[in-house]
PDB file of N, CA and C in Angstrom:
ATOM      1  N   MET A   1       0.456   3.707  -1.787  1.00  0.00           N
ATOM      2  CA  MET A   1       1.146   3.000  -0.744  1.00  0.00           C
ATOM      3  C   MET A   1       2.600   3.445  -0.740  1.00  0.00           C
ATOM      4  N   SER A   2       3.219   3.273   0.402  1.00  0.00           N
ATOM      5  CA  SER A   2       4.640   3.573   0.514  1.00  0.00           C
ATOM      6  C   SER A   2       5.303   2.513   1.379  1.00  0.00           C
ATOM      7  N   VAL A   3       6.606   2.360   1.172  1.00  0.00           N
ATOM      8  CA  VAL A   3       7.386   1.377   1.911  1.00  0.00           C
ATOM      9  C   VAL A   3       8.608   2.085   2.479  1.00  0.00           C
ATOM     10  N   LEU A   4       8.861   1.852   3.763  1.00  0.00           N
ATOM     11  CA  LEU A   4      10.038   2.409   4.421  1.00  0.00           C
ATOM     12  C   LEU A   4      10.807   1.280   5.095  1.00  0.00           C
ATOM     13  N   LYS A   5      12.109   1.438   5.151  1.00  0.00           N
ATOM     14  CA  LYS A   5      12.908   0.466   5.901  1.00  0.00           C
ATOM     15  C   LYS A   5      13.363   1.148   7.180  1.00  0.00           C
ATOM     16  N   LYS A   6      13.002   0.535   8.300  1.00  0.00           N
ATOM     17  CA  LYS A   6      13.313   1.106   9.598  1.00  0.00           C
ATOM     18  C   LYS A   6      13.909   0.009  10.480  1.00  0.00           C
ATOM     19  N   SER A   7      15.111   0.234  10.955  1.00  0.00           N
ATOM     20  CA  SER A   7      15.795  -0.750  11.811  1.00  0.00           C
ATOM     21  C   SER A   7      15.819  -2.139  11.175  1.00  0.00           C
ATOM     22  N   TYR A   8      16.206  -2.201   9.925  1.00  0.00           N
ATOM     23  CA  TYR A   8      16.348  -3.463   9.185  1.00  0.00           C
ATOM     24  C   TYR A   8      15.027  -4.155   8.870  1.00  0.00           C
ATOM     25  N   HIS A   9      13.898  -3.479   9.075  1.00  0.00           N
ATOM     26  CA  HIS A   9      12.594  -4.066   8.778  1.00  0.00           C
ATOM     27  C   HIS A   9      11.844  -3.163   7.801  1.00  0.00           C
ATOM     28  N   TRP A  10      11.210  -3.781   6.815  1.00  0.00           N
ATOM     29  CA  TRP A  10      10.376  -3.037   5.874  1.00  0.00           C
ATOM     30  C   TRP A  10       9.026  -2.768   6.519  1.00  0.00           C
ATOM     31  N   GLN A  11       8.496  -1.578   6.301  1.00  0.00           N
ATOM     32  CA  GLN A  11       7.163  -1.218   6.787  1.00  0.00           C
ATOM     33  C   GLN A  11       6.349  -0.714   5.601  1.00  0.00           C
ATOM     34  N   LEU A  12       5.127  -1.215   5.479  1.00  0.00           N
ATOM     35  CA  LEU A  12       4.225  -0.859   4.393  1.00  0.00           C
ATOM     36  C   LEU A  12       3.131   0.056   4.934  1.00  0.00           C
ATOM     37  N   PHE A  13       2.814   1.111   4.187  1.00  0.00           N
ATOM     38  CA  PHE A  13       1.805   2.082   4.600  1.00  0.00           C
ATOM     39  C   PHE A  13       0.832   2.360   3.466  1.00  0.00           C
ATOM     40  N   ILE A  14      -0.404   2.679   3.828  1.00  0.00           N
ATOM     41  CA  ILE A  14      -1.370   3.233   2.884  1.00  0.00           C
ATOM     42  C   ILE A  14      -1.336   4.739   3.102  1.00  0.00           C
ATOM     43  N   ASP A  15      -1.125   5.474   2.038  1.00  0.00           N
ATOM     44  CA  ASP A  15      -1.047   6.933   2.118  1.00  0.00           C
ATOM     45  C   ASP A  15      -2.359   7.550   1.638  1.00  0.00           C
ATOM     46  N   SER A  16      -2.798   8.593   2.329  1.00  0.00           N
ATOM     47  CA  SER A  16      -4.025   9.290   1.925  1.00  0.00           C
ATOM     48  C   SER A  16      -3.666  10.576   1.186  1.00  0.00           C
ATOM     49  N   ASP A  17      -4.650  11.173   0.550  1.00  0.00           N
ATOM     50  CA  ASP A  17      -4.449  12.444  -0.143  1.00  0.00           C
ATOM     51  C   ASP A  17      -4.174  13.587   0.823  1.00  0.00           C
ATOM     52  N   THR A  18      -4.502  13.392   2.093  1.00  0.00           N
ATOM     53  CA  THR A  18      -4.297  14.441   3.090  1.00  0.00           C
ATOM     54  C   THR A  18      -2.945  14.319   3.796  1.00  0.00           C
ATOM     55  N   GLY A  19      -2.152  13.305   3.415  1.00  0.00           N
ATOM     56  CA  GLY A  19      -0.841  13.132   4.013  1.00  0.00           C
ATOM     57  C   GLY A  19      -0.821  12.220   5.223  1.00  0.00           C
ATOM     58  N   ILE A  20      -1.955  11.640   5.547  1.00  0.00           N
ATOM     59  CA  ILE A  20      -2.034  10.723   6.686  1.00  0.00           C
ATOM     60  C   ILE A  20      -1.630   9.326   6.217  1.00  0.00           C
ATOM     61  N   ARG A  21      -0.815   8.662   7.021  1.00  0.00           N
ATOM     62  CA  ARG A  21      -0.353   7.312   6.716  1.00  0.00           C
ATOM     63  C   ARG A  21      -0.961   6.317   7.686  1.00  0.00           C
ATOM     64  N   CYS A  22      -1.321   5.159   7.156  1.00  0.00           N
ATOM     65  CA  CYS A  22      -1.856   4.077   7.981  1.00  0.00           C
ATOM     66  C   CYS A  22      -1.002   2.838   7.729  1.00  0.00           C
ATOM     67  N   ARG A  23      -0.420   2.308   8.777  1.00  0.00           N
ATOM     68  CA  ARG A  23       0.467   1.139   8.639  1.00  0.00           C
ATOM     69  C   ARG A  23      -0.327  -0.097   8.270  1.00  0.00           C
ATOM     70  N   VAL A  24       0.206  -0.890   7.354  1.00  0.00           N
ATOM     71  CA  VAL A  24      -0.390  -2.160   6.938  1.00  0.00           C
ATOM     72  C   VAL A  24       0.353  -3.262   7.691  1.00  0.00           C
ATOM     73  N   TYR A  25      -0.357  -3.968   8.541  1.00  0.00           N
ATOM     74  CA  TYR A  25       0.257  -5.005   9.353  1.00  0.00           C
ATOM     75  C   TYR A  25       0.046  -6.409   8.803  1.00  0.00           C
ATOM     76  N   ASP A  26      -0.931  -6.589   7.921  1.00  0.00           N
ATOM     77  CA  ASP A  26      -1.223  -7.933   7.433  1.00  0.00           C
ATOM     78  C   ASP A  26      -0.378  -8.347   6.227  1.00  0.00           C
ATOM     79  N   VAL A  27       0.520  -7.480   5.775  1.00  0.00           N
ATOM     80  CA  VAL A  27       1.475  -7.830   4.727  1.00  0.00           C
ATOM     81  C   VAL A  27       2.869  -7.722   5.338  1.00  0.00           C
ATOM     82  N   VAL A  28       3.577  -8.837   5.345  1.00  0.00           N
ATOM     83  CA  VAL A  28       4.926  -8.855   5.903  1.00  0.00           C
ATOM     84  C   VAL A  28       5.924  -8.913   4.758  1.00  0.00           C
ATOM     85  N   ILE A  29       6.836  -7.970   4.759  1.00  0.00           N
ATOM     86  CA  ILE A  29       7.887  -7.930   3.753  1.00  0.00           C
ATOM     87  C   ILE A  29       9.153  -8.473   4.409  1.00  0.00           C
ATOM     88  N   PRO A  30       9.741  -9.536   3.849  1.00  0.00           N
ATOM     89  CA  PRO A  30      10.945 -10.101   4.456  1.00  0.00           C
ATOM     90  C   PRO A  30      12.049  -9.050   4.603  1.00  0.00           C
ATOM     91  N   SER A  31      12.684  -9.031   5.740  1.00  0.00           N
ATOM     92  CA  SER A  31      13.702  -8.005   6.007  1.00  0.00           C
ATOM     93  C   SER A  31      14.922  -8.137   5.108  1.00  0.00           C
ATOM     94  N   ASP A  32      15.173  -9.324   4.574  1.00  0.00           N
ATOM     95  CA  ASP A  32      16.323  -9.504   3.691  1.00  0.00           C
ATOM     96  C   ASP A  32      16.005  -9.187   2.222  1.00  0.00           C
ATOM     97  N   LEU A  33      14.779  -8.782   1.949  1.00  0.00           N
ATOM     98  CA  LEU A  33      14.392  -8.420   0.588  1.00  0.00           C
ATOM     99  C   LEU A  33      15.086  -7.120   0.189  1.00  0.00           C
ATOM    100  N   LYS A  34      15.674  -7.110  -0.989  1.00  0.00           N
ATOM    101  CA  LYS A  34      16.366  -5.907  -1.469  1.00  0.00           C
ATOM    102  C   LYS A  34      15.353  -4.903  -1.994  1.00  0.00           C
ATOM    103  N   GLU A  35      15.715  -3.637  -1.952  1.00  0.00           N
ATOM    104  CA  GLU A  35      14.825  -2.590  -2.452  1.00  0.00           C
ATOM    105  C   GLU A  35      14.447  -2.836  -3.910  1.00  0.00           C
ATOM    106  N   SER A  36      15.365  -3.341  -4.696  1.00  0.00           N
ATOM    107  CA  SER A  36      15.101  -3.611  -6.112  1.00  0.00           C
ATOM    108  C   SER A  36      14.076  -4.731  -6.313  1.00  0.00           C
ATOM    109  N   GLU A  37      13.807  -5.520  -5.271  1.00  0.00           N
ATOM    110  CA  GLU A  37      12.857  -6.630  -5.356  1.00  0.00           C
ATOM    111  C   GLU A  37      11.464  -6.275  -4.837  1.00  0.00           C
ATOM    112  N   LEU A  38      11.319  -5.103  -4.237  1.00  0.00           N
ATOM    113  CA  LEU A  38      10.038  -4.714  -3.643  1.00  0.00           C
ATOM    114  C   LEU A  38       8.899  -4.661  -4.654  1.00  0.00           C
ATOM    115  N   GLU A  39       9.143  -4.064  -5.789  1.00  0.00           N
ATOM    116  CA  GLU A  39       8.095  -3.903  -6.800  1.00  0.00           C
ATOM    117  C   GLU A  39       7.513  -5.256  -7.196  1.00  0.00           C
ATOM    118  N   SER A  40       8.363  -6.208  -7.491  1.00  0.00           N
ATOM    119  CA  SER A  40       7.909  -7.538  -7.893  1.00  0.00           C
ATOM    120  C   SER A  40       7.209  -8.267  -6.738  1.00  0.00           C
ATOM    121  N   TYR A  41       7.755  -8.155  -5.539  1.00  0.00           N
ATOM    122  CA  TYR A  41       7.176  -8.808  -4.364  1.00  0.00           C
ATOM    123  C   TYR A  41       5.765  -8.290  -4.094  1.00  0.00           C
ATOM    124  N   LEU A  42       5.604  -6.973  -4.083  1.00  0.00           N
ATOM    125  CA  LEU A  42       4.285  -6.393  -3.820  1.00  0.00           C
ATOM    126  C   LEU A  42       3.318  -6.647  -4.965  1.00  0.00           C
ATOM    127  N   ASP A  43       3.825  -6.704  -6.183  1.00  0.00           N
ATOM    128  CA  ASP A  43       2.969  -7.038  -7.320  1.00  0.00           C
ATOM    129  C   ASP A  43       2.417  -8.460  -7.176  1.00  0.00           C
ATOM    130  N   ASP A  44       3.227  -9.379  -6.713  1.00  0.00           N
ATOM    131  CA  ASP A  44       2.767 -10.755  -6.468  1.00  0.00           C
ATOM    132  C   ASP A  44       1.678 -10.794  -5.398  1.00  0.00           C
ATOM    133  N   ILE A  45       1.839 -10.003  -4.357  1.00  0.00           N
ATOM    134  CA  ILE A  45       0.860  -9.993  -3.270  1.00  0.00           C
ATOM    135  C   ILE A  45      -0.450  -9.333  -3.695  1.00  0.00           C
ATOM    136  N   TYR A  46      -0.360  -8.228  -4.418  1.00  0.00           N
ATOM    137  CA  TYR A  46      -1.549  -7.434  -4.748  1.00  0.00           C
ATOM    138  C   TYR A  46      -2.084  -7.669  -6.162  1.00  0.00           C
ATOM    139  N   HIS A  47      -1.678  -8.727  -6.833  1.00  0.00           N
ATOM    140  CA  HIS A  47      -2.117  -8.942  -8.217  1.00  0.00           C
ATOM    141  C   HIS A  47      -3.631  -9.089  -8.354  1.00  0.00           C
ATOM    142  N   GLU A  48      -4.310  -9.588  -7.332  1.00  0.00           N
ATOM    143  CA  GLU A  48      -5.759  -9.756  -7.436  1.00  0.00           C
ATOM    144  C   GLU A  48      -6.508  -8.419  -7.414  1.00  0.00           C
ATOM    145  N   TYR A  49      -5.817  -7.348  -7.048  1.00  0.00           N
ATOM    146  CA  TYR A  49      -6.423  -6.017  -7.070  1.00  0.00           C
ATOM    147  C   TYR A  49      -6.150  -5.277  -8.372  1.00  0.00           C
ATOM    148  N   SER A  50      -5.462  -5.906  -9.283  1.00  0.00           N
ATOM    149  CA  SER A  50      -5.128  -5.234 -10.539  1.00  0.00           C
ATOM    150  C   SER A  50      -6.384  -5.014 -11.384  1.00  0.00           C
ATOM    151  N   SER A  51      -6.283  -4.055 -12.269  1.00  0.00           N
ATOM    152  CA  SER A  51      -7.377  -3.743 -13.187  1.00  0.00           C
ATOM    153  C   SER A  51      -6.774  -3.345 -14.522  1.00  0.00           C
ATOM    154  N   GLU A  52      -7.617  -3.092 -15.475  1.00  0.00           N
ATOM    155  CA  GLU A  52      -7.129  -2.656 -16.779  1.00  0.00           C
ATOM    156  C   GLU A  52      -6.386  -1.322 -16.647  1.00  0.00           C
ATOM    157  N   LYS A  53      -6.893  -0.452 -15.778  1.00  0.00           N
ATOM    158  CA  LYS A  53      -6.264   0.853 -15.575  1.00  0.00           C
ATOM    159  C   LYS A  53      -4.964   0.726 -14.778  1.00  0.00           C
ATOM    160  N   TYR A  54      -4.937  -0.191 -13.798  1.00  0.00           N
ATOM    161  CA  TYR A  54      -3.766  -0.410 -12.945  1.00  0.00           C
ATOM    162  C   TYR A  54      -3.383  -1.894 -12.993  1.00  0.00           C
ATOM    163  N   PRO A  55      -2.642  -2.293 -14.024  1.00  0.00           N
ATOM    164  CA  PRO A  55      -2.369  -3.719 -14.213  1.00  0.00           C
ATOM    165  C   PRO A  55      -1.286  -4.298 -13.298  1.00  0.00           C
ATOM    166  N   LYS A  56      -0.453  -3.443 -12.685  1.00  0.00           N
ATOM    167  CA  LYS A  56       0.607  -3.976 -11.823  1.00  0.00           C
ATOM    168  C   LYS A  56       1.117  -2.907 -10.865  1.00  0.00           C
ATOM    169  N   VAL A  57       1.865  -3.351  -9.875  1.00  0.00           N
ATOM    170  CA  VAL A  57       2.500  -2.441  -8.913  1.00  0.00           C
ATOM    171  C   VAL A  57       3.729  -1.841  -9.571  1.00  0.00           C
ATOM    172  N   ILE A  58       3.863  -0.522  -9.452  1.00  0.00           N
ATOM    173  CA  ILE A  58       5.050   0.143 -10.010  1.00  0.00           C
ATOM    174  C   ILE A  58       5.631   1.111  -8.973  1.00  0.00           C
ATOM    175  N   LYS A  59       6.913   1.331  -9.083  1.00  0.00           N
ATOM    176  CA  LYS A  59       7.590   2.287  -8.215  1.00  0.00           C
ATOM    177  C   LYS A  59       7.403   3.682  -8.792  1.00  0.00           C
ATOM    178  N   LEU A  60       6.949   4.618  -7.980  1.00  0.00           N
ATOM    179  CA  LEU A  60       6.680   5.969  -8.464  1.00  0.00           C
ATOM    180  C   LEU A  60       7.868   6.914  -8.306  1.00  0.00           C
ATOM    181  N   SER A  61       8.669   6.723  -7.286  1.00  0.00           N
ATOM    182  CA  SER A  61       9.808   7.631  -7.137  1.00  0.00           C
ATOM    183  C   SER A  61      11.010   6.907  -6.607  1.00  0.00           C
TER     184      SER A  61
END
């Protein structure tokens, strides 16, 4: 997944191995959320998808 800020709004995308992006509309990221808070915010939302191999959301770059 990737997150971009465009015109003061955060946008969440699912990224494919082929470079195609699909916008996620059912997750709303508050526009006043700081970039440093994204990891924790998304981890709270997606915690039910965690596994032993992927226990939490982390920032890759």
